[in-house]
Amino acid sequence: MIAQYVVVRGRVQGVGYRFAMADAAAEANVKGWVRNRDDGAVEAHIQGDPEAVSRVVAWCRRGPPAARVGAVDVTEAQIDSSLEDFAIRGNA
């Protein structure tokens, strides 16, 4: 299992990005969370099978149809054993 922290910049708030990402994460069977940041970006913690995490990160680079992804920063993260599913969290 691996974990990655992702920050997505561009036109990613107000376009259903978090909800679509939660669907993509559920389809890939990964755990974690996603939330809006005050600076207009979206951040997420994604963990699971390396191939599944890679699929979700690849999805982040596209986003939902109304999004305009400008940049995606990905860094390794610590596994969070308390996560049981993929959740949409409140703003950071």
Protein backbone atom coordinates (compact mmCIF):
# COMPACT_ATOMS: atom_id res chain seq x y z
CA MET A 1 0.00 0.00 0.00
CA ILE A 2 1.14 3.56 -0.75
CA ALA A 3 -0.16 7.02 0.12
CA GLN A 4 0.13 10.25 -1.82
CA TYR A 5 -0.79 13.85 -1.05
CA VAL A 6 -2.10 15.74 -4.08
CA VAL A 7 -2.68 19.47 -4.63
CA VAL A 8 -4.64 20.41 -7.75
CA ARG A 9 -4.63 23.99 -9.03
CA GLY A 10 -6.62 25.69 -11.74
CA ARG A 11 -10.38 26.03 -12.12
CA VAL A 12 -11.14 23.22 -9.67
CA GLN A 13 -13.58 24.72 -7.19
CA GLY A 14 -17.27 25.17 -7.97
CA VAL A 15 -17.16 22.60 -10.78
CA GLY A 16 -17.95 19.39 -8.87
CA TYR A 17 -14.30 18.36 -8.63
CA ARG A 18 -14.48 16.92 -5.10
CA PHE A 19 -17.62 14.91 -5.81
CA ALA A 20 -16.26 13.53 -9.08
CA MET A 21 -12.98 12.67 -7.38
CA ALA A 22 -14.84 10.79 -4.65
CA ASP A 23 -16.55 8.75 -7.39
CA ALA A 24 -13.20 8.06 -9.10
CA ALA A 25 -11.68 7.03 -5.76
CA ALA A 26 -14.59 4.70 -4.96
CA GLU A 27 -14.27 3.11 -8.40
CA ALA A 28 -10.54 2.55 -7.81
CA ASN A 29 -11.18 1.26 -4.27
CA VAL A 30 -8.79 3.67 -2.55
CA LYS A 31 -9.12 5.35 0.82
CA GLY A 32 -8.50 8.97 1.76
CA TRP A 33 -10.11 12.37 1.55
CA VAL A 34 -10.47 15.47 -0.62
CA ARG A 35 -11.22 19.08 0.31
CA ASN A 36 -11.12 22.64 -1.01
CA ARG A 37 -8.36 24.96 0.14
CA ASP A 38 -8.74 28.66 0.87
CA ASP A 39 -6.29 29.48 -1.95
CA GLY A 40 -8.63 28.02 -4.61
CA ALA A 41 -6.83 24.69 -4.92
CA VAL A 42 -8.14 21.23 -4.05
CA GLU A 43 -6.06 18.91 -1.87
CA ALA A 44 -6.38 15.18 -1.31
CA HIS A 45 -4.83 12.25 0.52
CA ILE A 46 -5.08 9.03 -1.49
CA GLN A 47 -3.94 5.62 -0.27
CA GLY A 48 -4.26 2.05 -1.43
CA ASP A 49 -2.81 -0.33 -3.99
CA PRO A 50 -0.09 1.48 -5.99
CA GLU A 51 -1.86 0.89 -9.33
CA ALA A 52 -5.18 2.17 -7.95
CA VAL A 53 -3.56 5.27 -6.44
CA SER A 54 -1.86 5.94 -9.79
CA ARG A 55 -5.21 5.72 -11.58
CA VAL A 56 -6.77 8.29 -9.25
CA VAL A 57 -3.77 10.63 -9.57
CA ALA A 58 -4.06 10.33 -13.37
CA TRP A 59 -7.77 11.21 -13.04
CA CYS A 60 -6.77 14.28 -10.96
CA ARG A 61 -4.79 15.58 -13.94
CA ARG A 62 -8.02 15.62 -16.01
CA GLY A 63 -10.75 16.20 -13.45
CA PRO A 64 -14.45 16.45 -14.29
CA PRO A 65 -15.56 18.04 -17.58
CA ALA A 66 -16.09 21.57 -16.17
CA ALA A 67 -12.66 21.70 -14.47
CA ARG A 68 -9.58 23.28 -16.01
CA VAL A 69 -6.63 21.66 -14.25
CA GLY A 70 -3.54 23.87 -14.37
CA ALA A 71 -1.11 21.94 -12.17
CA VAL A 72 -1.02 18.82 -10.02
CA ASP A 73 1.62 18.44 -7.31
CA VAL A 74 2.07 14.93 -5.91
CA THR A 75 4.17 13.99 -2.89
CA GLU A 76 4.57 10.80 -0.92
CA ALA A 77 2.52 10.69 2.28
CA GLN A 78 2.29 8.59 5.43
CA ILE A 79 -0.28 5.78 5.49
CA ASP A 80 -3.22 6.80 7.70
CA SER A 81 -4.53 3.58 9.25
CA SER A 82 -7.60 5.40 10.63
CA LEU A 83 -9.08 5.89 7.13
CA GLU A 84 -11.94 3.52 6.34
CA ASP A 85 -13.20 5.02 3.06
CA PHE A 86 -12.81 8.05 0.81
CA ALA A 87 -14.48 11.17 2.19
CA ILE A 88 -15.21 14.72 1.13
CA ARG A 89 -14.02 16.99 3.93
CA GLY A 90 -14.80 20.59 4.77
CA ASN A 91 -12.59 23.41 3.55
CA ALA A 92 -9.01 23.66 4.80
